Amino acid sequence: MYHLLNKIQGYTQNGPMGNDLQAQDNTVTDVGVAAGGLGTAIASAIVQFNKGNVMGPLITMVAAPSGTSTVRFPVYTKHTPSDSDHGVKEMASGAEETIANLTNIETTASDLTVLRRAIRAEITDLAAHGNADALMTNAGAQLGNDVAKHFDEEVCGHFDSFTNAVGTSTEGLYFLDIMDGVAKLEANDAPRPYSAVLHPQQIYGAFGLSNEFNTAAATGGSYGGSKGAFNGMAGNAEAQFMGAGFVTSLAGVNFYTSTSVPDGSDATMKKGGMFARTALGCGYIDFGGGNFIQMAAEREEAYAKTTLVANAYYAKAILVNAHGVEVHTEIS
């Protein structure tokens, strides 16, 4: 009985270790010895974001005004000024009073009715309280990023529908393909600036545009090939690839990379796009400052949790097909 009372007293005074506390000895005091107050430092959270909303600033974005959910894009038919019947008429000498040719001003309506895209996360109070890395804030940011990424995937999906195309599914990207794309846009009077949105492996790697610093070589095998367009150069292209490590502009085309670029017939091919702003359009609901993504939170007290929702309302379409070029190349 005496020993039982002694143990109870030990548990009362010393906690769950009772009378079995480690005794003093002559060992080094390491974390195994001094473990009672050992804490955990919480580093900055590493949230894996997708690269999102690359496309928004590059296309024609028009907000739906209050009172309607439809945005209309009037697209004017291109004229042929040299046509003898309804083009620009040259008057003969002394006959400047001759009546001018009559032409019509034709427009086609492209109506886009915005639809909702949304994703949600349900976070319990205990999960929010027990995480020291601003779980609610990071969750909201990640949901918004999900919507932005999905927007890019939808818009990039239109590249495959462009009438014009450059490149081939069996070779990497050459600078000649870029210039060929510019030629097609210029031939269709697409207004500048031009943007190229390509998969990272269409720019870098064995099948990327960066390969053009090599000497001209045969294509095929595990090597994407090169026509040597940048070989021996010490100018703008070299400064971007070799200095900054990424390309921003070549031949008047602004370059952007995105993993939202769709596959070809399989994942070893990618279908990027080069286009003028007039090629693609998007109607959306503006939640302030041109932002088409809305974050909302809802409390569910009965379940002790908060629901975070990321909403976006938009619709997108090709406006002028001839103002875009598909860039179809092999990447591996």
Protein backbone atom coordinates (compact mmCIF):
# COMPACT_ATOMS: atom_id res chain seq x y z
CA MET A 1 0.00 0.00 0.00
CA TYR A 2 2.86 2.37 0.83
CA HIS A 3 4.40 1.88 -2.63
CA LEU A 4 1.04 2.49 -4.35
CA LEU A 5 0.52 5.74 -2.49
CA ASN A 6 4.07 6.76 -3.38
CA LYS A 7 3.43 6.21 -7.11
CA ILE A 8 0.18 8.18 -6.94
CA GLN A 9 2.03 11.05 -5.30
CA GLY A 10 4.69 10.84 -8.02
CA TYR A 11 2.12 11.05 -10.81
CA THR A 12 0.49 14.03 -9.08
CA GLN A 13 3.74 15.94 -8.74
CA ASN A 14 5.57 14.90 -11.91
CA GLY A 15 2.83 14.27 -14.42
CA PRO A 16 2.54 11.20 -16.69
CA MET A 17 6.22 10.30 -16.21
CA GLY A 18 5.45 9.67 -12.53
CA ASN A 19 8.52 8.57 -10.59
CA ASP A 20 10.29 7.47 -13.80
CA LEU A 21 11.90 10.85 -14.58
CA GLN A 22 15.35 10.58 -16.06
CA ALA A 23 18.00 10.81 -13.38
CA GLN A 24 20.89 13.22 -13.40
CA ASP A 25 24.07 11.78 -14.92
CA ASN A 26 27.23 12.85 -16.71
CA THR A 27 25.98 12.57 -20.35
CA VAL A 28 25.82 15.36 -22.92
CA THR A 29 22.57 17.31 -22.86
CA ASP A 30 21.25 16.73 -26.38
CA VAL A 31 17.71 16.90 -27.77
CA GLY A 32 17.06 13.39 -26.54
CA VAL A 33 17.78 14.52 -22.98
CA ALA A 34 16.32 18.03 -23.03
CA ALA A 35 13.14 17.07 -24.92
CA GLY A 36 10.53 18.61 -22.64
CA GLY A 37 10.50 22.10 -24.12
CA LEU A 38 11.69 21.21 -27.60
CA GLY A 39 9.70 23.30 -30.08
CA THR A 40 9.02 23.23 -33.84
CA ALA A 41 9.74 26.21 -36.07
CA ILE A 42 7.16 26.71 -38.79
CA ALA A 43 8.77 27.82 -42.05
CA SER A 44 6.98 29.85 -44.69
CA ALA A 45 4.37 27.69 -46.37
CA ILE A 46 5.25 26.24 -49.76
CA VAL A 47 2.06 26.44 -51.80
CA GLN A 48 2.35 24.80 -55.21
CA PHE A 49 0.70 27.25 -57.58
CA ASN A 50 0.06 26.70 -61.26
CA LYS A 51 1.11 29.37 -63.72
CA GLY A 52 -2.25 31.03 -64.32
CA ASN A 53 -3.90 33.95 -66.15
CA VAL A 54 -1.22 34.21 -68.82
CA MET A 55 -3.89 34.68 -71.49
CA GLY A 56 -6.10 37.37 -69.91
CA PRO A 57 -3.85 40.37 -70.71
CA LEU A 58 -3.19 39.13 -74.28
CA ILE A 59 -6.74 38.90 -75.66
CA THR A 60 -9.73 41.22 -75.98
CA MET A 61 -11.43 41.26 -72.56
CA VAL A 62 -14.79 43.05 -72.23
CA ALA A 63 -16.81 43.20 -69.01
CA ALA A 64 -20.54 42.51 -69.11
CA PRO A 65 -22.32 45.64 -67.83
CA SER A 66 -24.72 45.40 -64.93
CA GLY A 67 -28.11 44.20 -66.11
CA THR A 68 -26.85 41.74 -68.72
CA SER A 69 -24.85 38.53 -68.85
CA THR A 70 -24.05 38.73 -72.57
CA VAL A 71 -21.20 40.58 -74.25
CA ARG A 72 -21.43 41.29 -77.99
CA PHE A 73 -18.31 41.64 -80.10
CA PRO A 74 -19.11 43.28 -83.47
CA VAL A 75 -16.60 42.02 -86.04
CA TYR A 76 -16.31 44.10 -89.21
CA THR A 77 -15.89 42.34 -92.54
CA LYS A 78 -12.54 43.10 -94.18
CA HIS A 79 -12.76 45.25 -97.33
CA THR A 80 -10.99 44.83 -100.68
CA PRO A 81 -10.04 48.40 -101.61
CA SER A 82 -8.84 47.41 -105.10
CA ASP A 83 -12.21 45.97 -106.19
CA SER A 84 -13.48 47.81 -109.25
CA ASP A 85 -17.12 47.68 -108.21
CA HIS A 86 -17.12 48.43 -104.48
CA GLY A 87 -13.51 49.38 -103.82
CA VAL A 88 -11.73 52.73 -103.96
CA LYS A 89 -12.39 54.38 -107.35
CA GLU A 90 -9.76 56.42 -109.13
CA MET A 91 -11.28 59.37 -111.01
CA ALA A 92 -10.08 60.30 -114.49
CA SER A 93 -8.39 63.64 -115.11
CA GLY A 94 -11.00 66.35 -115.24
CA ALA A 95 -13.70 64.03 -113.94
CA GLU A 96 -13.27 64.44 -110.23
CA GLU A 97 -17.04 64.95 -109.87
CA THR A 98 -17.64 61.30 -110.84
CA ILE A 99 -19.57 59.52 -108.10
CA ALA A 100 -17.57 57.27 -105.80
CA ASN A 101 -18.13 53.52 -105.60
CA LEU A 102 -20.70 52.38 -103.07
CA THR A 103 -19.66 49.82 -100.50
CA ASN A 104 -21.41 48.31 -97.53
CA ILE A 105 -20.18 48.21 -93.93
CA GLU A 106 -20.90 44.67 -92.84
CA THR A 107 -20.56 43.47 -89.27
CA THR A 108 -21.03 40.07 -87.70
CA ALA A 109 -22.10 39.73 -84.09
CA SER A 110 -20.24 37.35 -81.81
CA ASP A 111 -22.34 37.05 -78.66
CA LEU A 112 -20.76 35.53 -75.56
CA THR A 113 -22.99 34.65 -72.61
CA VAL A 114 -20.96 34.37 -69.42
CA LEU A 115 -21.20 31.16 -67.40
CA ARG A 116 -19.98 30.31 -63.92
CA ARG A 117 -16.84 28.34 -63.10
CA ALA A 118 -16.25 27.53 -59.43
CA ILE A 119 -14.26 25.43 -56.98
CA ARG A 120 -14.54 25.19 -53.19
CA ALA A 121 -12.66 23.98 -50.14
CA GLU A 122 -14.19 23.17 -46.74
CA ILE A 123 -11.84 23.85 -43.82
CA THR A 124 -12.73 22.89 -40.27
CA ASP A 125 -12.07 25.27 -37.41
CA LEU A 126 -9.67 22.79 -35.83
CA ALA A 127 -7.66 22.49 -39.03
CA ALA A 128 -7.42 26.27 -39.33
CA HIS A 129 -6.46 26.66 -35.67
CA GLY A 130 -3.98 23.82 -35.64
CA ASN A 131 -1.99 24.96 -38.65
CA ALA A 132 0.50 27.77 -38.06
CA ASP A 133 0.98 28.53 -41.78
CA ALA A 134 -2.06 30.76 -42.51
CA LEU A 135 -4.05 27.85 -43.89
CA MET A 136 -7.15 29.90 -44.73
CA THR A 137 -5.19 32.57 -46.59
CA ASN A 138 -3.16 30.06 -48.56
CA ALA A 139 -6.24 27.98 -49.37
CA GLY A 140 -7.99 31.04 -50.81
CA ALA A 141 -4.97 31.90 -52.93
CA GLN A 142 -4.73 28.36 -54.25
CA LEU A 143 -8.42 28.22 -55.18
CA GLY A 144 -8.12 31.50 -57.08
CA ASN A 145 -5.06 30.14 -58.85
CA ASP A 146 -7.02 27.02 -59.83
CA VAL A 147 -9.63 29.16 -61.60
CA ALA A 148 -6.98 31.27 -63.35
CA LYS A 149 -5.22 28.12 -64.57
CA HIS A 150 -8.49 26.68 -65.88
CA PHE A 151 -9.16 29.94 -67.73
CA ASP A 152 -5.81 29.62 -69.52
CA GLU A 153 -6.52 26.00 -70.42
CA GLU A 154 -9.85 26.95 -71.97
CA VAL A 155 -8.49 29.89 -73.98
CA CYS A 156 -5.38 28.00 -75.14
CA GLY A 157 -7.71 25.25 -76.33
CA HIS A 158 -8.72 27.56 -79.21
CA PHE A 159 -5.21 27.49 -80.73
CA ASP A 160 -6.04 24.21 -82.45
CA SER A 161 -8.93 25.92 -84.27
CA PHE A 162 -6.85 28.67 -85.91
CA THR A 163 -6.95 28.46 -89.69
CA ASN A 164 -3.22 29.14 -90.06
CA ALA A 165 -0.56 26.79 -88.72
CA VAL A 166 3.24 26.51 -88.63
CA GLY A 167 5.63 23.80 -87.50
CA THR A 168 5.33 20.05 -87.66
CA SER A 169 4.52 17.34 -85.16
CA THR A 170 7.78 15.49 -85.89
CA GLU A 171 10.30 18.31 -85.29
CA GLY A 172 11.14 20.89 -82.66
CA LEU A 173 10.48 24.62 -82.93
CA TYR A 174 12.67 26.60 -85.32
CA PHE A 175 13.05 30.37 -85.57
CA LEU A 176 11.91 29.95 -89.17
CA ASP A 177 8.54 28.76 -87.80
CA ILE A 178 8.24 31.99 -85.83
CA MET A 179 8.97 34.10 -88.89
CA ASP A 180 6.57 32.01 -90.95
CA GLY A 181 3.90 32.73 -88.34
CA VAL A 182 4.62 36.45 -88.45
CA ALA A 183 4.34 36.32 -92.25
CA LYS A 184 0.89 34.69 -92.03
CA LEU A 185 -0.34 37.27 -89.52
CA GLU A 186 1.01 40.16 -91.59
CA ALA A 187 -0.51 38.70 -94.77
CA ASN A 188 -3.91 38.74 -93.03
CA ASP A 189 -3.41 42.32 -91.79
CA ALA A 190 -3.51 41.25 -88.15
CA PRO A 191 -2.76 44.33 -86.03
CA ARG A 192 0.33 44.28 -83.83
CA PRO A 193 1.51 43.58 -81.18
CA TYR A 194 1.76 39.82 -81.65
CA SER A 195 2.00 37.37 -78.77
CA ALA A 196 3.27 33.79 -78.78
CA VAL A 197 2.10 31.51 -75.98
CA LEU A 198 4.10 28.28 -76.07
CA HIS A 199 4.76 25.29 -73.85
CA PRO A 200 8.08 25.66 -71.94
CA GLN A 201 9.52 22.71 -73.89
CA GLN A 202 8.74 24.53 -77.13
CA ILE A 203 11.16 27.23 -75.97
CA TYR A 204 13.74 25.28 -73.96
CA GLY A 205 15.27 21.83 -74.13
CA ALA A 206 16.29 19.47 -76.89
CA PHE A 207 13.29 20.36 -79.06
CA GLY A 208 12.95 24.02 -78.06
CA LEU A 209 13.72 27.29 -79.79
CA SER A 210 16.89 27.55 -77.68
CA ASN A 211 18.33 24.77 -79.85
CA GLU A 212 18.82 27.34 -82.61
CA PHE A 213 22.12 28.35 -80.95
CA ASN A 214 23.52 25.04 -82.17
CA THR A 215 24.94 24.58 -85.63
CA ALA A 216 22.58 23.32 -88.27
CA ALA A 217 22.11 19.58 -87.79
CA ALA A 218 19.91 16.75 -88.92
CA THR A 219 16.63 16.23 -87.15
CA GLY A 220 15.31 13.04 -85.64
CA GLY A 221 16.08 10.69 -82.78
CA SER A 222 16.23 12.18 -79.32
CA TYR A 223 17.49 15.50 -80.67
CA GLY A 224 15.08 18.13 -81.85
CA GLY A 225 17.37 19.52 -84.52
CA SER A 226 18.54 23.01 -85.33
CA LYS A 227 18.77 25.24 -88.37
CA GLY A 228 21.42 27.32 -86.62
CA ALA A 229 19.41 30.56 -86.76
CA PHE A 230 21.09 31.92 -83.60
CA ASN A 231 24.45 30.18 -84.03
CA GLY A 232 27.34 32.59 -83.54
CA MET A 233 25.04 35.46 -82.64
CA ALA A 234 25.98 37.87 -79.85
CA GLY A 235 22.90 40.06 -79.85
CA ASN A 236 19.39 40.21 -78.46
CA ALA A 237 18.62 36.50 -78.72
CA GLU A 238 21.81 35.50 -76.91
CA ALA A 239 21.26 38.12 -74.19
CA GLN A 240 17.80 36.73 -73.46
CA PHE A 241 18.54 33.01 -73.58
CA MET A 242 22.08 32.98 -72.21
CA GLY A 243 21.87 36.02 -69.92
CA ALA A 244 18.38 36.39 -68.49
CA GLY A 245 17.60 32.71 -69.02
CA PHE A 246 14.27 33.33 -70.67
CA VAL A 247 13.06 34.95 -73.88
CA THR A 248 10.63 37.88 -73.84
CA SER A 249 10.65 39.25 -77.39
CA LEU A 250 12.05 38.20 -80.75
CA ALA A 251 11.24 39.61 -84.19
CA GLY A 252 8.61 41.87 -82.66
CA VAL A 253 6.76 38.94 -81.07
CA ASN A 254 6.25 38.86 -77.29
CA PHE A 255 6.85 35.38 -75.88
CA TYR A 256 5.08 33.72 -72.95
CA THR A 257 5.28 30.16 -71.64
CA SER A 258 2.40 28.20 -70.19
CA THR A 259 1.78 24.54 -69.38
CA SER A 260 -1.85 25.19 -70.37
CA VAL A 261 -0.88 24.78 -74.04
CA PRO A 262 -2.75 21.70 -75.32
CA ASP A 263 -1.19 18.45 -76.50
CA GLY A 264 -1.07 17.31 -80.08
CA SER A 265 -2.08 13.73 -80.81
CA ASP A 266 -0.17 12.78 -77.64
CA ALA A 267 1.89 14.40 -74.86
CA THR A 268 5.09 14.41 -76.98
CA MET A 269 3.60 17.23 -79.09
CA LYS A 270 2.28 20.67 -78.18
CA LYS A 271 0.04 23.15 -79.95
CA GLY A 272 1.03 26.67 -78.96
CA GLY A 273 -0.33 29.82 -80.53
CA MET A 274 0.81 33.11 -82.06
CA PHE A 275 -1.84 35.77 -82.38
CA ALA A 276 -2.97 39.38 -82.35
CA ARG A 277 -5.20 40.63 -79.54
CA THR A 278 -8.13 40.64 -81.99
CA ALA A 279 -7.92 36.87 -82.54
CA LEU A 280 -9.58 35.90 -79.26
CA GLY A 281 -12.22 37.54 -77.10
CA CYS A 282 -13.65 37.04 -73.64
CA GLY A 283 -16.73 38.45 -71.95
CA TYR A 284 -16.72 38.40 -68.17
CA ILE A 285 -18.23 39.79 -64.98
CA ASP A 286 -15.86 42.33 -63.43
CA PHE A 287 -15.52 41.97 -59.66
CA GLY A 288 -13.40 45.12 -59.46
CA GLY A 289 -10.30 46.40 -61.21
CA GLY A 290 -10.77 44.08 -64.19
CA ASN A 291 -10.66 41.01 -61.96
CA PHE A 292 -12.91 38.17 -63.12
CA ILE A 293 -12.26 35.94 -60.10
CA GLN A 294 -14.33 36.33 -56.92
CA MET A 295 -13.43 34.82 -53.55
CA ALA A 296 -16.22 34.19 -51.05
CA ALA A 297 -16.43 32.56 -47.61
CA GLU A 298 -19.40 30.95 -45.89
CA ARG A 299 -19.62 29.85 -42.25
CA GLU A 300 -21.29 26.55 -41.36
CA GLU A 301 -21.46 26.73 -37.58
CA ALA A 302 -23.26 23.43 -37.17
CA TYR A 303 -20.29 21.70 -38.79
CA ALA A 304 -17.62 23.98 -37.28
CA LYS A 305 -16.13 24.76 -40.67
CA THR A 306 -15.69 27.51 -43.25
CA THR A 307 -16.37 26.99 -46.95
CA LEU A 308 -14.14 28.98 -49.31
CA VAL A 309 -15.39 29.40 -52.88
CA ALA A 310 -13.59 30.79 -55.93
CA ASN A 311 -16.04 31.95 -58.62
CA ALA A 312 -15.48 33.19 -62.14
CA TYR A 313 -18.04 34.17 -64.75
CA TYR A 314 -16.83 34.33 -68.33
CA ALA A 315 -17.17 33.08 -71.91
CA LYS A 316 -14.51 33.03 -74.63
CA ALA A 317 -14.37 32.56 -78.39
CA ILE A 318 -12.32 33.10 -81.54
CA LEU A 319 -13.20 36.51 -82.97
CA VAL A 320 -11.01 36.75 -86.09
CA ASN A 321 -9.63 33.36 -87.02
CA ALA A 322 -7.10 34.72 -89.52
CA HIS A 323 -5.43 36.75 -86.75
CA GLY A 324 -4.10 33.60 -85.07
CA VAL A 325 -1.58 30.89 -85.96
CA GLU A 326 -1.24 27.45 -84.40
CA VAL A 327 2.35 26.47 -83.54
CA HIS A 328 2.45 22.66 -83.64
CA THR A 329 5.79 21.06 -82.71
CA GLU A 330 7.35 18.03 -81.09
CA ILE A 331 8.75 18.42 -77.55
CA SER A 332 10.24 15.02 -76.75
